[in-house]
Every structure is written in structure tokens, then in C-alpha cells.
């Protein structure tokens, strides 16, 4: 899914959580800057990963720029044909996660640097329009929580404690 704002991603997390019987993680208010959004740390529902969780999952125990050859693991400007591609059509990382690098950028929970950028939220991983430099485990960008574009989506996460409790 692309063209979704940070707030849209949170709403999706809440709706999916409720649909499958989990406790939604977010209380979403009306503030356009999303400063009134609250995450319930005890909730067992779906959520956006923190930036640290995202990078940990992307790297999957590796320490380099990428977990493999760029063309084998990612859709980027040089091989995408100018569009987002179907998920999981490139090689996964060592933990079985697909598309953590390339294809679409992914929203994270974190604020970028609130003292400088106010409400801007982090997104990670690079997208189908990016050059190889933008498709790295350490690549990060930011935008307003209402921002939408065709190479920005999100990845779902659940807390390990929540997954164990719900089993």
C-alpha cells in the first residue's frame, strides 16, 4: 500500500487490530500535526515499528549498507521500471523480511528531530525511485504526518510480549 500518510497507517493498524481481536495501539486525535496521538504500550495490536526496530529488522544481523546485492534484494531507480512492484518479489533478508530496502519507503513511529522539524515523522529504507545511495539500511527521511506519495508505505509490527500473550 502506498500513498498513505503516517496518520492513515495508524488508522489501518487500529482497524486491523480490532478486526482480528487485538487491542488497538493508538488513540488518534484531530491535531493536524499529530501531537495528540498516543500509543498504548500495553496494547497487543498492530503498530508501526520504532525506527530502531525497523533498522534492526532490516539488517537482520548484518552490519553493511545492505543485506545483499542491491539488484537481488531491492526495487530501485535502476531496475523498477518506474513504479512500485509487488511485495516479496526480491530476495528476503536473513530473517525472511522482504522489501526492507527499496520498493517503498516505510513510515516509523518516531519523530525525526522535534526541536528542529516539529511534527515530522521518520520513514526508512528507500523506494523504487531512489538511486542506490538511498537504498541502504541506514537511509532515513522525514515528512509531515499528513504527507502522502507513491513510494511511501508502511510495515506492521507487534510487540513480542503482545504476540506471546495473544498466542
C-alpha atoms as a PDB file:
ATOM      1  CA  UNK A   1       0.000   0.000   0.000  1.00  0.00           C
ATOM      2  CA  UNK A   2       1.372   3.403  -0.952  1.00  0.00           C
ATOM      3  CA  UNK A   3       0.126   6.989  -0.934  1.00  0.00           C
ATOM      4  CA  UNK A   4      -0.683   6.695   2.764  1.00  0.00           C
ATOM      5  CA  UNK A   5       0.044   9.268   5.412  1.00  0.00           C
ATOM      6  CA  UNK A   6       1.500   8.432   8.804  1.00  0.00           C
ATOM      7  CA  UNK A   7      -1.946   9.007  10.317  1.00  0.00           C
ATOM      8  CA  UNK A   8      -3.536   6.700   7.676  1.00  0.00           C
ATOM      9  CA  UNK A   9      -1.049   3.986   8.660  1.00  0.00           C
ATOM     10  CA  UNK A  10      -2.002   4.327  12.338  1.00  0.00           C
ATOM     11  CA  UNK A  11      -5.704   4.112  11.488  1.00  0.00           C
ATOM     12  CA  UNK A  12      -5.024   0.967   9.444  1.00  0.00           C
ATOM     13  CA  UNK A  13      -3.134  -0.560  12.389  1.00  0.00           C
ATOM     14  CA  UNK A  14      -6.068   0.146  14.698  1.00  0.00           C
ATOM     15  CA  UNK A  15      -8.696  -1.180  12.271  1.00  0.00           C
ATOM     16  CA  UNK A  16      -6.788  -4.388  11.562  1.00  0.00           C
ATOM     17  CA  UNK A  17      -6.111  -4.911  15.264  1.00  0.00           C
ATOM     18  CA  UNK A  18      -9.811  -4.570  16.116  1.00  0.00           C
ATOM     19  CA  UNK A  19     -10.812  -6.833  13.222  1.00  0.00           C
ATOM     20  CA  UNK A  20      -8.659  -9.720  14.480  1.00  0.00           C
ATOM     21  CA  UNK A  21      -9.482  -9.216  18.168  1.00  0.00           C
ATOM     22  CA  UNK A  22      -6.367  -7.360  19.341  1.00  0.00           C
ATOM     23  CA  UNK A  23      -6.375  -4.158  21.359  1.00  0.00           C
ATOM     24  CA  UNK A  24      -5.658  -1.169  19.087  1.00  0.00           C
ATOM     25  CA  UNK A  25      -2.405   0.595  19.934  1.00  0.00           C
ATOM     26  CA  UNK A  26      -3.296   4.186  19.073  1.00  0.00           C
ATOM     27  CA  UNK A  27      -5.588   6.945  20.229  1.00  0.00           C
ATOM     28  CA  UNK A  28      -5.712   9.366  17.314  1.00  0.00           C
ATOM     29  CA  UNK A  29      -6.955  12.897  17.843  1.00  0.00           C
ATOM     30  CA  UNK A  30      -7.731  15.761  15.487  1.00  0.00           C
ATOM     31  CA  UNK A  31      -4.443  17.694  15.636  1.00  0.00           C
ATOM     32  CA  UNK A  32      -3.160  18.038  12.054  1.00  0.00           C
ATOM     33  CA  UNK A  33       0.413  17.782  13.348  1.00  0.00           C
ATOM     34  CA  UNK A  34      -0.499  14.567  15.225  1.00  0.00           C
ATOM     35  CA  UNK A  35       0.945  15.762  18.525  1.00  0.00           C
ATOM     36  CA  UNK A  36      -2.204  14.400  20.188  1.00  0.00           C
ATOM     37  CA  UNK A  37      -1.604  10.795  19.018  1.00  0.00           C
ATOM     38  CA  UNK A  38      -0.935   8.455  21.929  1.00  0.00           C
ATOM     39  CA  UNK A  39       0.436   4.920  21.717  1.00  0.00           C
ATOM     40  CA  UNK A  40      -0.757   2.418  24.322  1.00  0.00           C
ATOM     41  CA  UNK A  41       2.438   0.496  25.099  1.00  0.00           C
ATOM     42  CA  UNK A  42       0.428  -2.309  26.724  1.00  0.00           C
ATOM     43  CA  UNK A  43      -1.826  -2.910  23.709  1.00  0.00           C
ATOM     44  CA  UNK A  44      -1.327  -6.157  21.806  1.00  0.00           C
ATOM     45  CA  UNK A  45      -2.390  -4.795  18.406  1.00  0.00           C
ATOM     46  CA  UNK A  46      -0.570  -3.903  15.238  1.00  0.00           C
ATOM     47  CA  UNK A  47       1.562  -0.786  15.174  1.00  0.00           C
ATOM     48  CA  UNK A  48       4.314   0.955  13.277  1.00  0.00           C
ATOM     49  CA  UNK A  49       7.815  -0.124  14.244  1.00  0.00           C
ATOM     50  CA  UNK A  50      10.099   2.299  16.013  1.00  0.00           C
ATOM     51  CA  UNK A  51      12.995   3.483  13.892  1.00  0.00           C
ATOM     52  CA  UNK A  52      15.368   1.267  15.904  1.00  0.00           C
ATOM     53  CA  UNK A  53      13.123  -1.779  15.448  1.00  0.00           C
ATOM     54  CA  UNK A  54      12.873  -1.080  11.736  1.00  0.00           C
ATOM     55  CA  UNK A  55      16.660  -0.914  11.286  1.00  0.00           C
ATOM     56  CA  UNK A  56      17.245  -3.990  13.453  1.00  0.00           C
ATOM     57  CA  UNK A  57      14.752  -5.951  11.341  1.00  0.00           C
ATOM     58  CA  UNK A  58      16.178  -4.626   8.082  1.00  0.00           C
ATOM     59  CA  UNK A  59      19.761  -5.514   8.961  1.00  0.00           C
ATOM     60  CA  UNK A  60      18.844  -8.999  10.256  1.00  0.00           C
ATOM     61  CA  UNK A  61      22.203  -9.418  11.964  1.00  0.00           C
ATOM     62  CA  UNK A  62      24.295  -7.863   9.189  1.00  0.00           C
ATOM     63  CA  UNK A  63      26.436  -4.747   9.521  1.00  0.00           C
ATOM     64  CA  UNK A  64      26.896  -3.490   5.954  1.00  0.00           C
ATOM     65  CA  UNK A  65      24.926  -0.988   3.886  1.00  0.00           C
ATOM     66  CA  UNK A  66      22.646  -3.757   2.690  1.00  0.00           C
ATOM     67  CA  UNK A  67      21.978  -7.399   3.477  1.00  0.00           C
ATOM     68  CA  UNK A  68      22.764  -8.465  -0.093  1.00  0.00           C
ATOM     69  CA  UNK A  69      23.301  -7.391  -3.693  1.00  0.00           C
ATOM     70  CA  UNK A  70      21.055  -4.388  -4.392  1.00  0.00           C
ATOM     71  CA  UNK A  71      19.501  -5.739  -7.601  1.00  0.00           C
ATOM     72  CA  UNK A  72      18.751  -9.059  -5.922  1.00  0.00           C
ATOM     73  CA  UNK A  73      17.084  -7.595  -2.822  1.00  0.00           C
ATOM     74  CA  UNK A  74      15.501  -4.297  -3.884  1.00  0.00           C
ATOM     75  CA  UNK A  75      13.478  -2.433  -6.467  1.00  0.00           C
ATOM     76  CA  UNK A  76      15.164   0.922  -7.120  1.00  0.00           C
ATOM     77  CA  UNK A  77      15.506   3.532  -9.865  1.00  0.00           C
ATOM     78  CA  UNK A  78      17.778   1.288 -11.927  1.00  0.00           C
ATOM     79  CA  UNK A  79      15.502  -1.765 -12.075  1.00  0.00           C
ATOM     80  CA  UNK A  80      11.950  -0.831 -11.027  1.00  0.00           C
ATOM     81  CA  UNK A  81      10.675   0.266 -14.420  1.00  0.00           C
ATOM     82  CA  UNK A  82       9.444   3.474 -12.831  1.00  0.00           C
ATOM     83  CA  UNK A  83       6.823   2.037 -10.488  1.00  0.00           C
ATOM     84  CA  UNK A  84       6.323   0.267  -7.165  1.00  0.00           C
ATOM     85  CA  UNK A  85       6.432  -3.509  -7.537  1.00  0.00           C
ATOM     86  CA  UNK A  86       4.555  -6.391  -5.987  1.00  0.00           C
ATOM     87  CA  UNK A  87       5.784  -7.182  -2.488  1.00  0.00           C
ATOM     88  CA  UNK A  88       8.147 -10.121  -1.911  1.00  0.00           C
ATOM     89  CA  UNK A  89       9.463 -10.386  -5.471  1.00  0.00           C
ATOM     90  CA  UNK A  90      13.078  -9.760  -4.430  1.00  0.00           C
ATOM     91  CA  UNK A  91      15.213 -11.874  -2.087  1.00  0.00           C
ATOM     92  CA  UNK A  92      14.430 -11.541   1.642  1.00  0.00           C
ATOM     93  CA  UNK A  93      16.955 -10.779   4.347  1.00  0.00           C
ATOM     94  CA  UNK A  94      18.265 -13.499   6.697  1.00  0.00           C
ATOM     95  CA  UNK A  95      15.120 -13.239   8.847  1.00  0.00           C
ATOM     96  CA  UNK A  96      12.754 -13.629   5.905  1.00  0.00           C
ATOM     97  CA  UNK A  97      11.738  -9.970   5.655  1.00  0.00           C
ATOM     98  CA  UNK A  98      11.183  -8.749   2.096  1.00  0.00           C
ATOM     99  CA  UNK A  99      11.483  -5.217   0.727  1.00  0.00           C
ATOM    100  CA  UNK A 100      13.040  -3.586   3.764  1.00  0.00           C
ATOM    101  CA  UNK A 101      15.331  -1.873   1.277  1.00  0.00           C
ATOM    102  CA  UNK A 102      13.832  -0.393  -1.881  1.00  0.00           C
ATOM    103  CA  UNK A 103      10.352  -0.653  -3.390  1.00  0.00           C
ATOM    104  CA  UNK A 104       8.695   1.787  -0.950  1.00  0.00           C
ATOM    105  CA  UNK A 105       9.858   3.856   1.988  1.00  0.00           C
ATOM    106  CA  UNK A 106       8.231   2.810   5.277  1.00  0.00           C
ATOM    107  CA  UNK A 107       6.803   5.050   7.981  1.00  0.00           C
ATOM    108  CA  UNK A 108       8.128   4.550  11.511  1.00  0.00           C
ATOM    109  CA  UNK A 109       6.618   5.697  14.807  1.00  0.00           C
ATOM    110  CA  UNK A 110       9.406   8.155  15.661  1.00  0.00           C
ATOM    111  CA  UNK A 111       9.610  11.901  15.334  1.00  0.00           C
ATOM    112  CA  UNK A 112      12.635  12.907  13.230  1.00  0.00           C
ATOM    113  CA  UNK A 113      14.043  15.708  15.412  1.00  0.00           C
ATOM    114  CA  UNK A 114      11.175  17.592  17.037  1.00  0.00           C
ATOM    115  CA  UNK A 115      13.360  20.501  18.173  1.00  0.00           C
ATOM    116  CA  UNK A 116      14.254  21.221  14.541  1.00  0.00           C
ATOM    117  CA  UNK A 117      11.470  19.673  12.427  1.00  0.00           C
ATOM    118  CA  UNK A 118       8.452  19.800  14.752  1.00  0.00           C
ATOM    119  CA  UNK A 119       5.922  17.080  13.885  1.00  0.00           C
ATOM    120  CA  UNK A 120       7.907  15.441  11.064  1.00  0.00           C
ATOM    121  CA  UNK A 121       7.978  11.630  11.270  1.00  0.00           C
ATOM    122  CA  UNK A 122      10.670   9.218  10.115  1.00  0.00           C
ATOM    123  CA  UNK A 123      10.451   6.872   7.163  1.00  0.00           C
ATOM    124  CA  UNK A 124      13.115   4.335   6.235  1.00  0.00           C
ATOM    125  CA  UNK A 125      14.523   2.054   3.551  1.00  0.00           C
ATOM    126  CA  UNK A 126      14.462   3.704   0.156  1.00  0.00           C
ATOM    127  CA  UNK A 127      11.992   3.363  -2.671  1.00  0.00           C
ATOM    128  CA  UNK A 128      11.583   2.433  -6.301  1.00  0.00           C
ATOM    129  CA  UNK A 129      12.502   5.977  -7.408  1.00  0.00           C
ATOM    130  CA  UNK A 130      15.747   6.119  -5.435  1.00  0.00           C
ATOM    131  CA  UNK A 131      19.336   5.743  -6.539  1.00  0.00           C
ATOM    132  CA  UNK A 132      21.455   3.083  -4.798  1.00  0.00           C
ATOM    133  CA  UNK A 133      22.611   5.658  -2.229  1.00  0.00           C
ATOM    134  CA  UNK A 134      19.014   5.981  -0.999  1.00  0.00           C
ATOM    135  CA  UNK A 135      18.518   2.213  -0.707  1.00  0.00           C
ATOM    136  CA  UNK A 136      20.532   1.365   2.389  1.00  0.00           C
ATOM    137  CA  UNK A 137      19.731   0.029   5.841  1.00  0.00           C
ATOM    138  CA  UNK A 138      20.745   3.402   7.265  1.00  0.00           C
ATOM    139  CA  UNK A 139      18.727   5.528   4.787  1.00  0.00           C
ATOM    140  CA  UNK A 140      16.209   7.756   6.535  1.00  0.00           C
ATOM    141  CA  UNK A 141      13.963  10.603   5.571  1.00  0.00           C
ATOM    142  CA  UNK A 142      11.227  12.653   7.149  1.00  0.00           C
ATOM    143  CA  UNK A 143       7.988  14.415   6.424  1.00  0.00           C
ATOM    144  CA  UNK A 144       4.834  15.791   7.953  1.00  0.00           C
ATOM    145  CA  UNK A 145       2.412  13.124   9.264  1.00  0.00           C
ATOM    146  CA  UNK A 146      -0.109  14.119   6.567  1.00  0.00           C
ATOM    147  CA  UNK A 147       2.374  13.556   3.702  1.00  0.00           C
ATOM    148  CA  UNK A 148       1.438  11.016   1.015  1.00  0.00           C
ATOM    149  CA  UNK A 149       3.409   9.941  -2.070  1.00  0.00           C
ATOM    150  CA  UNK A 150       3.595   6.966  -4.413  1.00  0.00           C
ATOM    151  CA  UNK A 151       6.794   5.486  -2.953  1.00  0.00           C
ATOM    152  CA  UNK A 152       5.869   5.660   0.739  1.00  0.00           C
ATOM    153  CA  UNK A 153       4.044   2.945   2.662  1.00  0.00           C
ATOM    154  CA  UNK A 154       4.430   1.168   5.981  1.00  0.00           C
ATOM    155  CA  UNK A 155       5.215  -2.150   7.650  1.00  0.00           C
ATOM    156  CA  UNK A 156       3.234  -3.642  10.517  1.00  0.00           C
ATOM    157  CA  UNK A 157       4.804  -4.613  13.820  1.00  0.00           C
ATOM    158  CA  UNK A 158       3.613  -6.171  17.057  1.00  0.00           C
ATOM    159  CA  UNK A 159       5.391  -6.207  20.369  1.00  0.00           C
ATOM    160  CA  UNK A 160       6.970  -9.594  21.195  1.00  0.00           C
ATOM    161  CA  UNK A 161       5.248  -9.638  24.588  1.00  0.00           C
ATOM    162  CA  UNK A 162       1.891  -8.962  22.892  1.00  0.00           C
ATOM    163  CA  UNK A 163       2.406 -11.757  20.380  1.00  0.00           C
ATOM    164  CA  UNK A 164       3.265 -14.236  23.132  1.00  0.00           C
ATOM    165  CA  UNK A 165       0.317 -13.174  25.305  1.00  0.00           C
ATOM    166  CA  UNK A 166      -2.116 -13.404  22.373  1.00  0.00           C
ATOM    167  CA  UNK A 167      -0.993 -16.937  21.402  1.00  0.00           C
END
